[in-house]
Amino acid sequence: MDEKSNGVLLDIKGLRTYFFTDEGVARAVDNVSLTLHEGETLGVVGESGCGKSVTALSIMRLIPQPPGKIVGGEINFADRGDLTKLSESGMRKIRGNEISMIFQEPMTSLNPVFRIGNQIAEAIQLHQKVSKKEALERSVDMLQLVGIPSPEKRVKDYPHQLSGGMRQRVMIAMALSCNPKLMLADEPTTALDVTIQAQILNIMNKLKEEVGTSIILITHNLGVIAEMAQSVSVMYAGVVVENADVYTLFGEPLHPYTIGLLTSIPRADRDAGKKTRLNTIPGIVPSLLELPVGCRFSDRCPHVHEPCTKWEPPLDPPTKTGKKDHLVRCWLHLTPPKG
């Protein structure tokens, strides 16, 4: 990677976001570190409840307080420094302007009583200091950019008049309306059929190239990650268990959880004409209130051995290869402490 042309845009170090409940403290994000370079897409994958969305909301400083709170770590963004130390008024200048977010379900994010053009224009007026007329004209341009037909007419529609795919395009248009440096996409294609999903992903890729926006893509779908991302972080029970570039992760996965996710995907070249059951990962993600001692994946891992139930492994390069750009949190590939 050419560091001169791809400098670090976002550098998260040891982020901890906890939820303080009557039942105890849920460590939703627990010592998570991520790095995103300019113009790149970082894929964040894992099952529901692994801390992916909470990580994104922490970057935006949108964690509901109480019960949630960022209790430690740094979120260093571009030349803004550590976002955890910014005031709320300082964050408002960044949200929607320098960092935007596409939420999972557009119908819960779009206001049903306002026309979509007005909703896009509001964000533009708030950050770009332009007139209402200019903002509406920009809204039409944005709808055209994301491939919505007849944008001059659609800009006057209400959210319920659009299909799911169209609403998701509106969300992307809104997220890109102020040319943000970073876009957080939280499962942007989950509720869409495969054809519309492919169109949305193509639009995001095209816009990334044209506008230069970096993307953090949160998804369950490893096929989407293979198509979109340059690097991948696999999360499990609030921690990153493996981090690598996309080719390494798919070609040489190390963590048993990553391998379990990859082998549970149906493949045409492997499964065609065979009556075989898909591989599954036994059990469920543990409660964040009652995490296992040692490795958090130990109660579901087929390779569990003594160190796994005694010590929690760090996220380090594997002992045998020493590849510094491939990190894994597993005693199968790290040297456990003695004793």
Protein backbone atom coordinates (compact mmCIF):
# COMPACT_ATOMS: atom_id res chain seq x y z
CA MET A 1 0.00 0.00 0.00
CA ASP A 2 1.28 3.45 -0.89
CA GLU A 3 1.09 5.40 2.33
CA LYS A 4 1.59 8.70 0.48
CA SER A 5 -1.58 8.28 -1.52
CA ASN A 6 -3.48 6.27 1.10
CA GLY A 7 -2.91 7.95 4.44
CA VAL A 8 -4.72 6.84 7.56
CA LEU A 9 -8.17 8.45 7.76
CA LEU A 10 -9.51 6.71 10.87
CA ASP A 11 -7.45 5.12 13.63
CA ILE A 12 -9.37 3.54 16.50
CA LYS A 13 -7.27 2.45 19.47
CA GLY A 14 -8.58 0.32 22.35
CA LEU A 15 -12.18 1.51 22.05
CA ARG A 16 -14.41 0.42 24.92
CA THR A 17 -18.16 1.06 24.87
CA TYR A 18 -20.12 -0.42 27.78
CA PHE A 19 -23.80 -0.52 28.66
CA PHE A 20 -24.59 -0.25 32.36
CA THR A 21 -27.81 -2.17 33.09
CA ASP A 22 -29.63 -3.45 36.15
CA GLU A 23 -28.35 -6.96 35.34
CA GLY A 24 -24.72 -5.85 35.07
CA VAL A 25 -22.22 -4.26 32.68
CA ALA A 26 -22.45 -5.36 29.02
CA ARG A 27 -19.08 -4.87 27.33
CA ALA A 28 -20.49 -4.39 23.83
CA VAL A 29 -17.20 -3.07 22.39
CA ASP A 30 -14.19 -4.14 24.42
CA ASN A 31 -10.71 -2.96 23.43
CA VAL A 32 -11.38 -2.70 19.68
CA SER A 33 -8.73 -1.25 17.38
CA LEU A 34 -9.36 -0.56 13.67
CA THR A 35 -7.49 1.33 10.96
CA LEU A 36 -9.03 2.72 7.76
CA HIS A 37 -7.00 4.30 4.95
CA GLU A 38 -8.20 7.04 2.63
CA GLY A 39 -10.24 5.83 -0.34
CA GLU A 40 -10.59 2.28 1.02
CA THR A 41 -13.41 0.05 2.24
CA LEU A 42 -13.04 -1.77 5.56
CA GLY A 43 -15.43 -4.68 6.03
CA VAL A 44 -16.60 -5.51 9.56
CA VAL A 45 -18.26 -8.93 9.83
CA GLY A 46 -19.70 -11.17 12.53
CA GLU A 47 -22.97 -12.51 13.87
CA SER A 48 -25.65 -10.31 15.44
CA GLY A 49 -24.64 -9.13 18.90
CA CYS A 50 -20.90 -9.03 18.19
CA GLY A 51 -20.55 -5.24 18.53
CA LYS A 52 -20.41 -4.15 14.88
CA SER A 53 -23.20 -1.55 14.99
CA VAL A 54 -22.16 -0.28 18.43
CA THR A 55 -18.68 0.36 17.01
CA ALA A 56 -20.19 2.46 14.20
CA LEU A 57 -22.45 4.36 16.60
CA SER A 58 -19.44 5.00 18.85
CA ILE A 59 -17.59 6.60 15.92
CA MET A 60 -20.60 8.89 15.39
CA ARG A 61 -20.89 9.45 19.16
CA LEU A 62 -24.54 8.36 19.01
CA ILE A 63 -24.47 5.87 21.89
CA PRO A 64 -27.57 6.47 24.08
CA GLN A 65 -26.49 7.75 27.50
CA PRO A 66 -27.61 6.18 29.77
CA PRO A 67 -27.22 3.21 29.67
CA GLY A 68 -24.32 3.32 27.18
CA LYS A 69 -21.00 5.08 27.56
CA ILE A 70 -17.62 5.18 25.80
CA VAL A 71 -15.39 4.36 28.77
CA GLY A 72 -12.00 4.20 27.08
CA GLY A 73 -9.92 4.32 23.94
CA GLU A 74 -9.39 6.78 21.10
CA ILE A 75 -11.20 7.47 17.81
CA ASN A 76 -8.69 9.51 15.81
CA PHE A 77 -10.26 10.93 12.65
CA ALA A 78 -8.33 12.79 9.92
CA ASP A 79 -7.06 16.09 11.31
CA ARG A 80 -9.85 16.31 13.91
CA GLY A 81 -7.93 14.36 16.54
CA ASP A 82 -9.68 12.14 19.09
CA LEU A 83 -13.45 12.33 18.54
CA THR A 84 -14.14 11.05 22.08
CA LYS A 85 -12.78 14.33 23.41
CA LEU A 86 -14.84 16.62 21.15
CA SER A 87 -17.79 18.55 22.55
CA GLU A 88 -21.30 17.73 21.37
CA SER A 89 -21.41 20.91 19.30
CA GLY A 90 -18.12 19.90 17.70
CA MET A 91 -19.52 16.46 16.82
CA ARG A 92 -22.64 18.02 15.27
CA LYS A 93 -20.38 19.81 12.77
CA ILE A 94 -18.83 16.46 11.79
CA ARG A 95 -21.95 14.24 11.68
CA GLY A 96 -23.50 14.23 8.21
CA ASN A 97 -20.76 16.52 6.94
CA GLU A 98 -17.42 14.73 7.34
CA ILE A 99 -18.79 11.41 8.64
CA SER A 100 -22.15 10.09 7.46
CA MET A 101 -24.06 6.89 8.15
CA ILE A 102 -26.41 4.65 6.18
CA PHE A 103 -28.66 2.85 8.63
CA GLN A 104 -29.95 -0.69 8.24
CA GLU A 105 -33.63 0.10 7.69
CA PRO A 106 -34.36 3.29 5.71
CA MET A 107 -38.03 3.45 6.73
CA THR A 108 -36.98 4.03 10.35
CA SER A 109 -34.41 6.65 9.31
CA LEU A 110 -36.47 8.68 6.82
CA ASN A 111 -39.19 10.95 8.22
CA PRO A 112 -42.52 9.74 6.77
CA VAL A 113 -44.14 13.21 6.80
CA PHE A 114 -41.49 15.08 4.81
CA ARG A 115 -40.67 14.85 1.12
CA ILE A 116 -37.38 13.12 0.43
CA GLY A 117 -35.99 16.20 -1.37
CA ASN A 118 -36.55 18.33 1.73
CA GLN A 119 -34.86 15.71 3.93
CA ILE A 120 -31.74 15.65 1.76
CA ALA A 121 -31.77 19.46 1.42
CA GLU A 122 -31.94 19.89 5.20
CA ALA A 123 -28.58 18.16 5.67
CA ILE A 124 -27.03 20.21 2.85
CA GLN A 125 -28.33 23.52 4.25
CA LEU A 126 -27.16 22.65 7.75
CA HIS A 127 -23.53 22.05 6.76
CA GLN A 128 -22.95 23.79 3.42
CA LYS A 129 -24.53 27.20 4.15
CA VAL A 130 -26.48 27.41 0.89
CA SER A 131 -30.00 28.66 0.10
CA LYS A 132 -33.02 26.37 0.18
CA LYS A 133 -33.31 26.55 -3.61
CA GLU A 134 -29.66 25.58 -4.08
CA ALA A 135 -30.03 22.75 -1.58
CA LEU A 136 -33.07 21.35 -3.42
CA GLU A 137 -31.20 21.54 -6.73
CA ARG A 138 -28.34 19.66 -5.10
CA SER A 139 -30.87 17.07 -3.86
CA VAL A 140 -31.98 16.42 -7.44
CA ASP A 141 -28.33 16.01 -8.48
CA MET A 142 -27.73 13.53 -5.65
CA LEU A 143 -30.78 11.44 -6.58
CA GLN A 144 -29.55 11.34 -10.16
CA LEU A 145 -26.09 10.34 -8.93
CA VAL A 146 -27.46 7.26 -7.11
CA GLY A 147 -29.46 6.17 -10.16
CA ILE A 148 -33.01 7.20 -9.25
CA PRO A 149 -35.01 7.81 -12.48
CA SER A 150 -36.84 11.13 -12.98
CA PRO A 151 -35.15 12.74 -9.96
CA GLU A 152 -36.98 16.06 -10.55
CA LYS A 153 -40.26 14.25 -9.84
CA ARG A 154 -38.99 11.84 -7.18
CA VAL A 155 -37.60 14.68 -5.10
CA LYS A 156 -41.23 15.57 -4.27
CA ASP A 157 -42.18 12.04 -3.19
CA TYR A 158 -42.71 10.84 0.37
CA PRO A 159 -40.78 7.78 1.64
CA HIS A 160 -43.83 5.48 1.46
CA GLN A 161 -44.10 6.14 -2.28
CA LEU A 162 -40.73 4.50 -2.93
CA SER A 163 -39.68 0.85 -3.00
CA GLY A 164 -37.15 -0.53 -0.49
CA GLY A 165 -34.33 -0.26 -3.01
CA MET A 166 -35.24 3.33 -3.87
CA ARG A 167 -35.42 4.30 -0.20
CA GLN A 168 -31.97 2.84 0.36
CA ARG A 169 -30.68 4.90 -2.60
CA VAL A 170 -32.19 7.99 -0.97
CA MET A 171 -30.28 7.14 2.23
CA ILE A 172 -27.05 6.85 0.22
CA ALA A 173 -27.81 10.16 -1.52
CA MET A 174 -28.38 11.80 1.86
CA ALA A 175 -25.19 10.28 3.28
CA LEU A 176 -23.14 11.55 0.32
CA SER A 177 -24.84 14.94 -0.04
CA CYS A 178 -22.05 16.81 1.77
CA ASN A 179 -19.16 14.82 0.24
CA PRO A 180 -18.12 13.16 3.53
CA LYS A 181 -14.64 11.75 4.05
CA LEU A 182 -16.06 8.66 5.78
CA MET A 183 -19.31 6.76 5.27
CA LEU A 184 -20.49 4.13 7.76
CA ALA A 185 -22.78 1.60 6.05
CA ASP A 186 -24.59 -0.56 8.61
CA GLU A 187 -26.02 -3.56 6.74
CA PRO A 188 -27.14 -1.34 3.83
CA THR A 189 -28.50 -4.22 1.71
CA THR A 190 -29.99 -6.58 4.32
CA ALA A 191 -33.67 -5.99 3.50
CA LEU A 192 -33.18 -5.97 -0.28
CA ASP A 193 -33.45 -8.74 -2.86
CA VAL A 194 -30.29 -9.93 -4.61
CA THR A 195 -30.74 -7.85 -7.78
CA ILE A 196 -31.30 -4.58 -5.91
CA GLN A 197 -28.48 -5.49 -3.51
CA ALA A 198 -26.07 -5.77 -6.45
CA GLN A 199 -27.22 -2.39 -7.79
CA ILE A 200 -26.72 -0.70 -4.41
CA LEU A 201 -23.23 -2.19 -4.04
CA ASN A 202 -22.30 -1.07 -7.56
CA ILE A 203 -23.49 2.44 -6.75
CA MET A 204 -21.43 2.52 -3.53
CA ASN A 205 -18.32 1.31 -5.37
CA LYS A 206 -18.83 3.84 -8.17
CA LEU A 207 -19.36 6.71 -5.74
CA LYS A 208 -16.32 5.71 -3.70
CA GLU A 209 -14.20 6.03 -6.84
CA GLU A 210 -15.82 9.28 -8.02
CA VAL A 211 -16.21 11.11 -4.71
CA GLY A 212 -13.25 9.54 -2.86
CA THR A 213 -15.24 8.62 0.23
CA SER A 214 -13.83 5.90 2.49
CA ILE A 215 -16.32 3.28 3.72
CA ILE A 216 -16.74 1.08 6.76
CA LEU A 217 -19.12 -1.65 5.61
CA ILE A 218 -20.89 -3.64 8.34
CA THR A 219 -22.53 -6.85 7.15
CA HIS A 220 -23.19 -10.54 7.80
CA ASN A 221 -22.62 -11.28 4.13
CA LEU A 222 -19.08 -12.42 3.37
CA GLY A 223 -19.88 -12.40 -0.36
CA VAL A 224 -20.48 -8.64 -0.12
CA ILE A 225 -17.19 -8.26 1.76
CA ALA A 226 -15.30 -10.17 -0.95
CA GLU A 227 -16.70 -7.83 -3.59
CA MET A 228 -16.42 -4.51 -1.77
CA ALA A 229 -13.67 -4.49 0.86
CA GLN A 230 -9.91 -4.15 0.76
CA SER A 231 -9.42 -5.13 4.40
CA VAL A 232 -11.59 -7.05 6.87
CA SER A 233 -12.07 -7.15 10.64
CA VAL A 234 -13.96 -10.11 12.09
CA MET A 235 -15.75 -9.31 15.37
CA TYR A 236 -17.01 -11.73 18.00
CA ALA A 237 -18.57 -10.94 21.39
CA GLY A 238 -17.31 -7.35 21.44
CA VAL A 239 -13.73 -7.94 20.26
CA VAL A 240 -11.89 -8.21 16.94
CA VAL A 241 -10.75 -11.84 16.55
CA GLU A 242 -9.04 -11.52 13.16
CA ASN A 243 -7.88 -8.68 10.95
CA ALA A 244 -6.30 -8.96 7.49
CA ASP A 245 -6.53 -7.78 3.90
CA VAL A 246 -9.42 -9.38 2.01
CA TYR A 247 -7.25 -11.77 -0.03
CA THR A 248 -5.45 -13.10 3.04
CA LEU A 249 -8.63 -13.50 5.06
CA PHE A 250 -10.39 -15.53 2.37
CA GLY A 251 -7.26 -17.43 1.30
CA GLU A 252 -5.62 -18.10 4.67
CA PRO A 253 -8.14 -17.64 7.50
CA LEU A 254 -6.69 -18.48 10.91
CA HIS A 255 -9.29 -18.01 13.63
CA PRO A 256 -11.75 -20.94 14.02
CA TYR A 257 -14.64 -18.44 14.04
CA THR A 258 -13.57 -16.93 10.70
CA ILE A 259 -13.15 -20.43 9.25
CA GLY A 260 -16.62 -21.34 10.55
CA LEU A 261 -18.17 -18.31 8.89
CA LEU A 262 -16.46 -19.05 5.57
CA THR A 263 -17.34 -22.77 5.50
CA SER A 264 -21.00 -22.04 6.28
CA ILE A 265 -21.41 -20.24 2.94
CA PRO A 266 -22.94 -22.34 0.11
CA ARG A 267 -20.58 -22.56 -2.86
CA ALA A 268 -21.56 -23.51 -6.39
CA ASP A 269 -18.15 -25.02 -7.18
CA ARG A 270 -18.22 -27.21 -4.08
CA ASP A 271 -21.86 -28.04 -3.40
CA ALA A 272 -23.34 -28.41 -6.91
CA GLY A 273 -25.19 -31.70 -7.29
CA LYS A 274 -24.34 -32.84 -3.75
CA LYS A 275 -26.88 -33.50 -1.03
CA THR A 276 -24.67 -32.21 1.76
CA ARG A 277 -25.61 -30.14 4.78
CA LEU A 278 -23.99 -26.76 5.22
CA ASN A 279 -21.38 -26.48 7.96
CA THR A 280 -22.64 -24.64 11.02
CA ILE A 281 -21.06 -23.06 14.07
CA PRO A 282 -22.59 -24.76 17.14
CA GLY A 283 -24.13 -22.69 19.92
CA ILE A 284 -24.81 -18.95 20.00
CA VAL A 285 -22.92 -15.74 20.73
CA PRO A 286 -22.55 -15.54 24.54
CA SER A 287 -24.34 -12.91 26.59
CA LEU A 288 -22.15 -9.85 27.03
CA LEU A 289 -23.11 -10.00 30.70
CA GLU A 290 -21.73 -13.55 31.09
CA LEU A 291 -18.68 -13.93 28.88
CA PRO A 292 -16.64 -17.17 29.06
CA VAL A 293 -13.35 -17.17 30.95
CA GLY A 294 -10.41 -16.98 28.58
CA CYS A 295 -11.15 -16.96 24.84
CA ARG A 296 -14.67 -15.71 24.17
CA PHE A 297 -15.14 -18.32 21.42
CA SER A 298 -13.97 -21.24 23.60
CA ASP A 299 -17.44 -22.68 24.30
CA ARG A 300 -18.13 -23.01 20.54
CA CYS A 301 -14.67 -23.80 19.21
CA PRO A 302 -13.85 -27.29 17.83
CA HIS A 303 -10.13 -26.78 18.66
CA VAL A 304 -10.45 -25.62 22.28
CA HIS A 305 -7.59 -26.66 24.58
CA GLU A 306 -6.40 -25.73 28.08
CA PRO A 307 -4.99 -22.21 27.47
CA CYS A 308 -8.28 -21.20 25.78
CA THR A 309 -10.23 -21.60 29.04
CA LYS A 310 -7.62 -19.84 31.20
CA TRP A 311 -6.40 -16.73 29.37
CA GLU A 312 -7.96 -14.36 26.87
CA PRO A 313 -5.61 -14.17 23.86
CA PRO A 314 -4.37 -10.80 22.55
CA LEU A 315 -4.85 -9.66 18.95
CA ASP A 316 -1.34 -10.23 17.58
CA PRO A 317 0.49 -11.46 14.46
CA PRO A 318 0.58 -15.30 14.35
CA THR A 319 3.70 -16.72 16.03
CA LYS A 320 4.72 -18.99 13.14
CA THR A 321 4.42 -16.53 10.24
CA GLY A 322 4.89 -13.24 12.10
CA LYS A 323 2.91 -11.38 9.41
CA LYS A 324 2.34 -7.96 10.96
CA ASP A 325 -0.59 -7.18 8.66
CA HIS A 326 -2.46 -10.35 9.67
CA LEU A 327 -3.68 -10.26 13.28
CA VAL A 328 -5.45 -13.09 15.09
CA ARG A 329 -6.83 -13.56 18.62
CA CYS A 330 -6.31 -17.32 19.09
CA TRP A 331 -3.99 -19.54 21.14
CA LEU A 332 -3.71 -21.95 18.19
CA HIS A 333 -1.54 -19.34 16.46
CA LEU A 334 -0.05 -17.47 19.44
CA THR A 335 2.23 -18.55 22.26
CA PRO A 336 0.21 -18.84 25.50
CA PRO A 337 1.67 -17.75 28.85
CA LYS A 338 3.35 -20.39 31.00
CA GLY A 339 1.75 -21.62 34.17
